Amino acid sequence: MKLGARLKKEREKRNWSQIYVSKKMGITNAVLSDYERGQRDPDKETLGKFAKLYEVSIDYLLGCTDIPFIPQ
């Protein structure tokens, strides 16, 4: 699964709208839509914010693992 699909999956899993997430992230709805459709990729800082917001690892978002988070 690609980054955009994971971002969309995590948002929808929480029943959050794109508008809600874009406000939480400090980005426009259009930018979030581009991320979710794979039209553009977030920078490292934004990727970290997504991971924190969705409580998953960056590796999971990038598709390096199917495990959403690493237990501490």
Protein backbone atom coordinates (compact mmCIF):
# COMPACT_ATOMS: atom_id res chain seq x y z
CA MET A 1 0.00 0.00 0.00
CA LYS A 2 1.34 3.42 -0.94
CA LEU A 3 1.71 6.44 1.31
CA GLY A 4 -1.40 8.23 0.02
CA ALA A 5 -3.56 5.16 0.53
CA ARG A 6 -2.25 4.72 4.08
CA LEU A 7 -2.94 8.35 4.92
CA LYS A 8 -6.48 8.03 3.62
CA LYS A 9 -7.03 4.69 5.38
CA GLU A 10 -5.91 6.07 8.75
CA ARG A 11 -8.08 9.17 8.37
CA GLU A 12 -11.15 7.18 7.37
CA LYS A 13 -10.57 4.63 10.13
CA ARG A 14 -11.11 7.47 12.60
CA ASN A 15 -14.09 8.86 10.67
CA TRP A 16 -12.26 12.18 10.27
CA SER A 17 -12.96 14.48 7.34
CA GLN A 18 -10.23 15.88 5.15
CA ILE A 19 -11.13 19.34 6.43
CA TYR A 20 -10.66 18.23 10.06
CA VAL A 21 -7.26 16.65 9.35
CA SER A 22 -6.05 19.53 7.20
CA LYS A 23 -6.86 21.97 10.03
CA LYS A 24 -5.10 19.76 12.60
CA MET A 25 -2.08 19.50 10.29
CA GLY A 26 -1.96 23.19 9.35
CA ILE A 27 -2.25 22.45 5.62
CA THR A 28 -4.95 23.14 3.07
CA ASN A 29 -7.59 20.61 2.18
CA ALA A 30 -6.26 20.62 -1.40
CA VAL A 31 -2.77 19.66 -0.21
CA LEU A 32 -4.14 16.82 1.93
CA SER A 33 -6.17 15.61 -1.03
CA ASP A 34 -3.01 15.65 -3.19
CA TYR A 35 -1.18 13.59 -0.55
CA GLU A 36 -3.97 11.03 -0.32
CA ARG A 37 -4.24 10.70 -4.11
CA GLY A 38 -0.46 10.30 -4.45
CA GLN A 39 -0.13 13.51 -6.45
CA ARG A 40 2.55 14.82 -4.09
CA ASP A 41 4.51 13.64 -1.08
CA PRO A 42 4.78 15.39 2.29
CA ASP A 43 8.16 16.59 3.50
CA LYS A 44 9.81 14.84 6.44
CA GLU A 45 8.40 17.22 9.03
CA THR A 46 4.85 16.84 7.73
CA LEU A 47 5.22 13.07 7.52
CA GLY A 48 6.23 13.07 11.18
CA LYS A 49 3.15 15.13 12.06
CA PHE A 50 0.92 12.63 10.25
CA ALA A 51 2.53 9.76 12.16
CA LYS A 52 1.95 11.54 15.45
CA LEU A 53 -1.63 12.51 14.61
CA TYR A 54 -2.55 8.98 13.53
CA GLU A 55 -0.41 7.35 16.26
CA VAL A 56 1.48 5.16 13.80
CA SER A 57 5.10 4.86 12.77
CA ILE A 58 6.60 6.63 9.79
CA ASP A 59 7.71 3.22 8.50
CA TYR A 60 4.08 2.11 8.48
CA LEU A 61 2.96 5.19 6.56
CA LEU A 62 5.73 4.65 4.02
CA GLY A 63 4.75 1.02 3.56
CA CYS A 64 7.99 -0.42 4.97
CA THR A 65 5.97 -2.47 7.45
CA ASP A 66 2.36 -3.52 7.89
CA ILE A 67 2.59 -3.09 11.65
CA PRO A 68 1.06 0.34 12.45
CA PHE A 69 3.26 1.02 15.45
CA ILE A 70 6.11 -0.49 17.36
CA PRO A 71 5.23 -1.32 20.99
CA GLN A 72 7.51 0.43 23.48
